[in-house]
Amino acid sequence: MELFEKGYLPKEDAGYELGFGNGEAMLELIPKIGRRKGFGRLLGEGSYRLAEHYRTGSGIIAWMLKG
């Protein structure tokens, strides 16, 4: 959601508006992550790989690693 809010993650890739508070989208993505289908395949790799995929820069990657 952080990547989406900051404009790094396009809606076209995710298929959902992934802004903070969109619980419905998250509930739909959970089984996709578990089955590694569609965008869930990339989410299943973890936040570091997701940030790396979108080349968001070391600042965002470092922030994600802290959490």
PDB file of N, CA and C in Angstrom:
ATOM      1  N   MET A   1       0.814  -1.190   0.000  1.00  0.00           N
ATOM      2  CA  MET A   1       0.000   0.000   0.000  1.00  0.00           C
ATOM      3  C   MET A   1       0.862   1.259   0.000  1.00  0.00           C
ATOM      4  N   GLU A   2       1.990   1.171   0.667  1.00  0.00           N
ATOM      5  CA  GLU A   2       2.912   2.318   0.679  1.00  0.00           C
ATOM      6  C   GLU A   2       3.406   2.623  -0.738  1.00  0.00           C
ATOM      7  N   LEU A   3       3.784   1.584  -1.479  1.00  0.00           N
ATOM      8  CA  LEU A   3       4.261   1.791  -2.851  1.00  0.00           C
ATOM      9  C   LEU A   3       3.159   2.359  -3.734  1.00  0.00           C
ATOM     10  N   PHE A   4       1.929   1.886  -3.545  1.00  0.00           N
ATOM     11  CA  PHE A   4       0.803   2.388  -4.326  1.00  0.00           C
ATOM     12  C   PHE A   4       0.547   3.852  -3.998  1.00  0.00           C
ATOM     13  N   GLU A   5       0.510   4.184  -2.719  1.00  0.00           N
ATOM     14  CA  GLU A   5       0.248   5.559  -2.288  1.00  0.00           C
ATOM     15  C   GLU A   5       1.301   6.529  -2.815  1.00  0.00           C
ATOM     16  N   LYS A   6       2.556   6.088  -2.901  1.00  0.00           N
ATOM     17  CA  LYS A   6       3.632   6.967  -3.364  1.00  0.00           C
ATOM     18  C   LYS A   6       3.764   6.983  -4.886  1.00  0.00           C
ATOM     19  N   GLY A   7       2.934   6.212  -5.588  1.00  0.00           N
ATOM     20  CA  GLY A   7       2.917   6.242  -7.039  1.00  0.00           C
ATOM     21  C   GLY A   7       3.893   5.298  -7.727  1.00  0.00           C
ATOM     22  N   TYR A   8       4.532   4.411  -6.965  1.00  0.00           N
ATOM     23  CA  TYR A   8       5.474   3.462  -7.571  1.00  0.00           C
ATOM     24  C   TYR A   8       4.770   2.253  -8.173  1.00  0.00           C
ATOM     25  N   LEU A   9       3.657   1.882  -7.615  1.00  0.00           N
ATOM     26  CA  LEU A   9       2.936   0.681  -8.028  1.00  0.00           C
ATOM     27  C   LEU A   9       1.688   1.086  -8.804  1.00  0.00           C
ATOM     28  N   PRO A  10       1.654   0.858 -10.112  1.00  0.00           N
ATOM     29  CA  PRO A  10       0.492   1.261 -10.900  1.00  0.00           C
ATOM     30  C   PRO A  10      -0.708   0.330 -10.669  1.00  0.00           C
ATOM     31  N   LYS A  11      -1.892   0.906 -10.721  1.00  0.00           N
ATOM     32  CA  LYS A  11      -3.121   0.123 -10.560  1.00  0.00           C
ATOM     33  C   LYS A  11      -3.211  -0.972 -11.624  1.00  0.00           C
ATOM     34  N   GLU A  12      -2.713  -0.693 -12.808  1.00  0.00           N
ATOM     35  CA  GLU A  12      -2.782  -1.675 -13.891  1.00  0.00           C
ATOM     36  C   GLU A  12      -2.042  -2.963 -13.530  1.00  0.00           C
ATOM     37  N   ASP A  13      -0.959  -2.861 -12.786  1.00  0.00           N
ATOM     38  CA  ASP A  13      -0.197  -4.045 -12.390  1.00  0.00           C
ATOM     39  C   ASP A  13      -0.925  -4.838 -11.315  1.00  0.00           C
ATOM     40  N   ALA A  14      -1.440  -4.132 -10.323  1.00  0.00           N
ATOM     41  CA  ALA A  14      -2.088  -4.790  -9.191  1.00  0.00           C
ATOM     42  C   ALA A  14      -3.491  -5.253  -9.542  1.00  0.00           C
ATOM     43  N   GLY A  15      -4.185  -4.484 -10.362  1.00  0.00           N
ATOM     44  CA  GLY A  15      -5.567  -4.795 -10.678  1.00  0.00           C
ATOM     45  C   GLY A  15      -6.538  -4.231  -9.651  1.00  0.00           C
ATOM     46  N   TYR A  16      -6.022  -3.537  -8.666  1.00  0.00           N
ATOM     47  CA  TYR A  16      -6.838  -2.979  -7.590  1.00  0.00           C
ATOM     48  C   TYR A  16      -6.306  -1.612  -7.207  1.00  0.00           C
ATOM     49  N   GLU A  17      -7.187  -0.800  -6.616  1.00  0.00           N
ATOM     50  CA  GLU A  17      -6.755   0.421  -5.941  1.00  0.00           C
ATOM     51  C   GLU A  17      -6.223  -0.032  -4.592  1.00  0.00           C
ATOM     52  N   LEU A  18      -4.934  -0.009  -4.401  1.00  0.00           N
ATOM     53  CA  LEU A  18      -4.340  -0.552  -3.181  1.00  0.00           C
ATOM     54  C   LEU A  18      -3.985   0.513  -2.154  1.00  0.00           C
ATOM     55  N   GLY A  19      -4.754   1.574  -2.132  1.00  0.00           N
ATOM     56  CA  GLY A  19      -4.505   2.606  -1.135  1.00  0.00           C
ATOM     57  C   GLY A  19      -4.822   2.103   0.265  1.00  0.00           C
ATOM     58  N   PHE A  20      -4.295   2.800   1.259  1.00  0.00           N
ATOM     59  CA  PHE A  20      -4.547   2.429   2.650  1.00  0.00           C
ATOM     60  C   PHE A  20      -6.047   2.424   2.927  1.00  0.00           C
ATOM     61  N   GLY A  21      -6.510   1.416   3.613  1.00  0.00           N
ATOM     62  CA  GLY A  21      -7.912   1.300   3.976  1.00  0.00           C
ATOM     63  C   GLY A  21      -8.740   0.450   3.039  1.00  0.00           C
ATOM     64  N   ASN A  22      -8.156  -0.031   1.948  1.00  0.00           N
ATOM     65  CA  ASN A  22      -8.912  -0.859   1.012  1.00  0.00           C
ATOM     66  C   ASN A  22      -8.797  -2.325   1.430  1.00  0.00           C
ATOM     67  N   GLY A  23      -9.533  -2.678   2.454  1.00  0.00           N
ATOM     68  CA  GLY A  23      -9.506  -4.036   2.974  1.00  0.00           C
ATOM     69  C   GLY A  23     -10.066  -5.069   2.004  1.00  0.00           C
ATOM     70  N   GLU A  24     -11.040  -4.661   1.204  1.00  0.00           N
ATOM     71  CA  GLU A  24     -11.641  -5.592   0.237  1.00  0.00           C
ATOM     72  C   GLU A  24     -10.598  -6.100  -0.752  1.00  0.00           C
ATOM     73  N   ALA A  25      -9.761  -5.198  -1.247  1.00  0.00           N
ATOM     74  CA  ALA A  25      -8.715  -5.606  -2.189  1.00  0.00           C
ATOM     75  C   ALA A  25      -7.743  -6.568  -1.513  1.00  0.00           C
ATOM     76  N   MET A  26      -7.388  -6.270  -0.273  1.00  0.00           N
ATOM     77  CA  MET A  26      -6.455  -7.147   0.441  1.00  0.00           C
ATOM     78  C   MET A  26      -7.049  -8.538   0.640  1.00  0.00           C
ATOM     79  N   LEU A  27      -8.342  -8.604   0.970  1.00  0.00           N
ATOM     80  CA  LEU A  27      -8.987  -9.911   1.143  1.00  0.00           C
ATOM     81  C   LEU A  27      -9.011 -10.704  -0.159  1.00  0.00           C
ATOM     82  N   GLU A  28      -9.139 -10.015  -1.271  1.00  0.00           N
ATOM     83  CA  GLU A  28      -9.110 -10.699  -2.567  1.00  0.00           C
ATOM     84  C   GLU A  28      -7.692 -11.139  -2.936  1.00  0.00           C
ATOM     85  N   LEU A  29      -6.687 -10.395  -2.496  1.00  0.00           N
ATOM     86  CA  LEU A  29      -5.301 -10.722  -2.841  1.00  0.00           C
ATOM     87  C   LEU A  29      -4.721 -11.855  -1.987  1.00  0.00           C
ATOM     88  N   ILE A  30      -5.221 -12.055  -0.791  1.00  0.00           N
ATOM     89  CA  ILE A  30      -4.655 -13.078   0.100  1.00  0.00           C
ATOM     90  C   ILE A  30      -4.612 -14.461  -0.558  1.00  0.00           C
ATOM     91  N   PRO A  31      -5.724 -14.973  -1.120  1.00  0.00           N
ATOM     92  CA  PRO A  31      -5.625 -16.293  -1.763  1.00  0.00           C
ATOM     93  C   PRO A  31      -4.722 -16.290  -2.998  1.00  0.00           C
ATOM     94  N   LYS A  32      -4.650 -15.153  -3.698  1.00  0.00           N
ATOM     95  CA  LYS A  32      -3.773 -15.063  -4.872  1.00  0.00           C
ATOM     96  C   LYS A  32      -2.308 -15.131  -4.461  1.00  0.00           C
ATOM     97  N   ILE A  33      -1.992 -14.545  -3.299  1.00  0.00           N
ATOM     98  CA  ILE A  33      -0.626 -14.618  -2.792  1.00  0.00           C
ATOM     99  C   ILE A  33      -0.292 -16.064  -2.447  1.00  0.00           C
ATOM    100  N   GLY A  34      -1.203 -16.729  -1.742  1.00  0.00           N
ATOM    101  CA  GLY A  34      -0.972 -18.117  -1.342  1.00  0.00           C
ATOM    102  C   GLY A  34      -0.817 -19.053  -2.526  1.00  0.00           C
ATOM    103  N   ARG A  35      -1.571 -18.797  -3.580  1.00  0.00           N
ATOM    104  CA  ARG A  35      -1.521 -19.658  -4.773  1.00  0.00           C
ATOM    105  C   ARG A  35      -0.525 -19.154  -5.811  1.00  0.00           C
ATOM    106  N   ARG A  36       0.086 -17.989  -5.526  1.00  0.00           N
ATOM    107  CA  ARG A  36       1.047 -17.366  -6.448  1.00  0.00           C
ATOM    108  C   ARG A  36       0.439 -17.160  -7.836  1.00  0.00           C
ATOM    109  N   LYS A  37      -0.757 -16.575  -7.862  1.00  0.00           N
ATOM    110  CA  LYS A  37      -1.448 -16.316  -9.120  1.00  0.00           C
ATOM    111  C   LYS A  37      -1.532 -14.828  -9.382  1.00  0.00           C
ATOM    112  N   GLY A  38      -1.303 -14.450 -10.626  1.00  0.00           N
ATOM    113  CA  GLY A  38      -1.391 -13.046 -11.010  1.00  0.00           C
ATOM    114  C   GLY A  38      -0.426 -12.184 -10.213  1.00  0.00           C
ATOM    115  N   PHE A  39      -0.917 -11.058  -9.743  1.00  0.00           N
ATOM    116  CA  PHE A  39      -0.093 -10.134  -8.984  1.00  0.00           C
ATOM    117  C   PHE A  39       0.333 -10.749  -7.649  1.00  0.00           C
ATOM    118  N   GLY A  40      -0.411 -11.731  -7.172  1.00  0.00           N
ATOM    119  CA  GLY A  40      -0.062 -12.421  -5.930  1.00  0.00           C
ATOM    120  C   GLY A  40       1.293 -13.106  -5.996  1.00  0.00           C
ATOM    121  N   ARG A  41       1.722 -13.470  -7.199  1.00  0.00           N
ATOM    122  CA  ARG A  41       3.038 -14.090  -7.354  1.00  0.00           C
ATOM    123  C   ARG A  41       4.141 -13.132  -6.917  1.00  0.00           C
ATOM    124  N   LEU A  42       4.043 -11.892  -7.336  1.00  0.00           N
ATOM    125  CA  LEU A  42       5.038 -10.892  -6.964  1.00  0.00           C
ATOM    126  C   LEU A  42       4.917 -10.514  -5.485  1.00  0.00           C
ATOM    127  N   LEU A  43       3.699 -10.365  -4.990  1.00  0.00           N
ATOM    128  CA  LEU A  43       3.506 -10.047  -3.573  1.00  0.00           C
ATOM    129  C   LEU A  43       4.047 -11.163  -2.685  1.00  0.00           C
ATOM    130  N   GLY A  44       3.926 -12.387  -3.125  1.00  0.00           N
ATOM    131  CA  GLY A  44       4.402 -13.528  -2.355  1.00  0.00           C
ATOM    132  C   GLY A  44       5.910 -13.569  -2.210  1.00  0.00           C
ATOM    133  N   GLU A  45       6.619 -12.804  -3.011  1.00  0.00           N
ATOM    134  CA  GLU A  45       8.077 -12.743  -2.908  1.00  0.00           C
ATOM    135  C   GLU A  45       8.537 -11.849  -1.765  1.00  0.00           C
ATOM    136  N   GLY A  46       7.621 -11.040  -1.225  1.00  0.00           N
ATOM    137  CA  GLY A  46       7.963 -10.177  -0.095  1.00  0.00           C
ATOM    138  C   GLY A  46       8.154  -8.731  -0.489  1.00  0.00           C
ATOM    139  N   SER A  47       8.168  -7.883   0.534  1.00  0.00           N
ATOM    140  CA  SER A  47       8.214  -6.439   0.294  1.00  0.00           C
ATOM    141  C   SER A  47       9.530  -5.990  -0.326  1.00  0.00           C
ATOM    142  N   TYR A  48      10.625  -6.624   0.044  1.00  0.00           N
ATOM    143  CA  TYR A  48      11.918  -6.226  -0.535  1.00  0.00           C
ATOM    144  C   TYR A  48      11.922  -6.471  -2.037  1.00  0.00           C
ATOM    145  N   ARG A  49      11.498  -7.661  -2.443  1.00  0.00           N
ATOM    146  CA  ARG A  49      11.488  -7.988  -3.884  1.00  0.00           C
ATOM    147  C   ARG A  49      10.485  -7.120  -4.635  1.00  0.00           C
ATOM    148  N   LEU A  50       9.379  -6.796  -3.989  1.00  0.00           N
ATOM    149  CA  LEU A  50       8.389  -5.930  -4.626  1.00  0.00           C
ATOM    150  C   LEU A  50       8.982  -4.550  -4.880  1.00  0.00           C
ATOM    151  N   ALA A  51       9.632  -3.989  -3.875  1.00  0.00           N
ATOM    152  CA  ALA A  51      10.272  -2.681  -4.041  1.00  0.00           C
ATOM    153  C   ALA A  51      11.384  -2.753  -5.073  1.00  0.00           C
ATOM    154  N   GLU A  52      12.131  -3.831  -5.055  1.00  0.00           N
ATOM    155  CA  GLU A  52      13.208  -4.010  -6.020  1.00  0.00           C
ATOM    156  C   GLU A  52      12.652  -4.091  -7.441  1.00  0.00           C
ATOM    157  N   HIS A  53      11.543  -4.801  -7.606  1.00  0.00           N
ATOM    158  CA  HIS A  53      10.901  -4.961  -8.911  1.00  0.00           C
ATOM    159  C   HIS A  53      10.510  -3.602  -9.502  1.00  0.00           C
ATOM    160  N   TYR A  54      10.008  -2.723  -8.656  1.00  0.00           N
ATOM    161  CA  TYR A  54       9.584  -1.410  -9.125  1.00  0.00           C
ATOM    162  C   TYR A  54      10.690  -0.372  -9.042  1.00  0.00           C
ATOM    163  N   ARG A  55      11.891  -0.799  -8.681  1.00  0.00           N
ATOM    164  CA  ARG A  55      13.069   0.074  -8.642  1.00  0.00           C
ATOM    165  C   ARG A  55      12.769   1.388  -7.937  1.00  0.00           C
ATOM    166  N   THR A  56      12.284   1.255  -6.723  1.00  0.00           N
ATOM    167  CA  THR A  56      11.845   2.440  -5.996  1.00  0.00           C
ATOM    168  C   THR A  56      12.982   3.197  -5.352  1.00  0.00           C
ATOM    169  N   GLY A  57      14.176   2.669  -5.387  1.00  0.00           N
ATOM    170  CA  GLY A  57      15.294   3.376  -4.784  1.00  0.00           C
ATOM    171  C   GLY A  57      15.604   2.837  -3.401  1.00  0.00           C
ATOM    172  N   SER A  58      16.814   3.056  -2.998  1.00  0.00           N
ATOM    173  CA  SER A  58      17.291   2.460  -1.741  1.00  0.00           C
ATOM    174  C   SER A  58      16.557   3.011  -0.528  1.00  0.00           C
ATOM    175  N   GLY A  59      16.055   4.245  -0.586  1.00  0.00           N
ATOM    176  CA  GLY A  59      15.361   4.807   0.558  1.00  0.00           C
ATOM    177  C   GLY A  59      14.125   4.020   0.923  1.00  0.00           C
ATOM    178  N   ILE A  60      13.298   3.691  -0.051  1.00  0.00           N
ATOM    179  CA  ILE A  60      12.086   2.919   0.204  1.00  0.00           C
ATOM    180  C   ILE A  60      12.446   1.495   0.605  1.00  0.00           C
ATOM    181  N   ILE A  61      13.422   0.896  -0.064  1.00  0.00           N
ATOM    182  CA  ILE A  61      13.816  -0.469   0.274  1.00  0.00           C
ATOM    183  C   ILE A  61      14.325  -0.516   1.702  1.00  0.00           C
ATOM    184  N   ALA A  62      15.151   0.438   2.104  1.00  0.00           N
ATOM    185  CA  ALA A  62      15.677   0.473   3.463  1.00  0.00           C
ATOM    186  C   ALA A  62      14.544   0.649   4.464  1.00  0.00           C
ATOM    187  N   TRP A  63      13.570   1.491   4.141  1.00  0.00           N
ATOM    188  CA  TRP A  63      12.432   1.695   5.027  1.00  0.00           C
ATOM    189  C   TRP A  63      11.654   0.396   5.211  1.00  0.00           C
ATOM    190  N   MET A  64      11.473  -0.346   4.122  1.00  0.00           N
ATOM    191  CA  MET A  64      10.728  -1.600   4.202  1.00  0.00           C
ATOM    192  C   MET A  64      11.476  -2.629   5.035  1.00  0.00           C
ATOM    193  N   LEU A  65      12.764  -2.635   4.964  1.00  0.00           N
ATOM    194  CA  LEU A  65      13.550  -3.608   5.725  1.00  0.00           C
ATOM    195  C   LEU A  65      13.511  -3.320   7.223  1.00  0.00           C
ATOM    196  N   LYS A  66      13.325  -2.062   7.589  1.00  0.00           N
ATOM    197  CA  LYS A  66      13.266  -1.708   9.017  1.00  0.00           C
ATOM    198  C   LYS A  66      12.035  -2.288   9.686  1.00  0.00           C
ATOM    199  N   GLY A  67      10.902  -2.301   8.947  1.00  0.00           N
ATOM    200  CA  GLY A  67       9.630  -2.713   9.529  1.00  0.00           C
ATOM    201  C   GLY A  67       9.577  -4.161   9.760  1.00  0.00           C
TER     202      GLY A  67
END
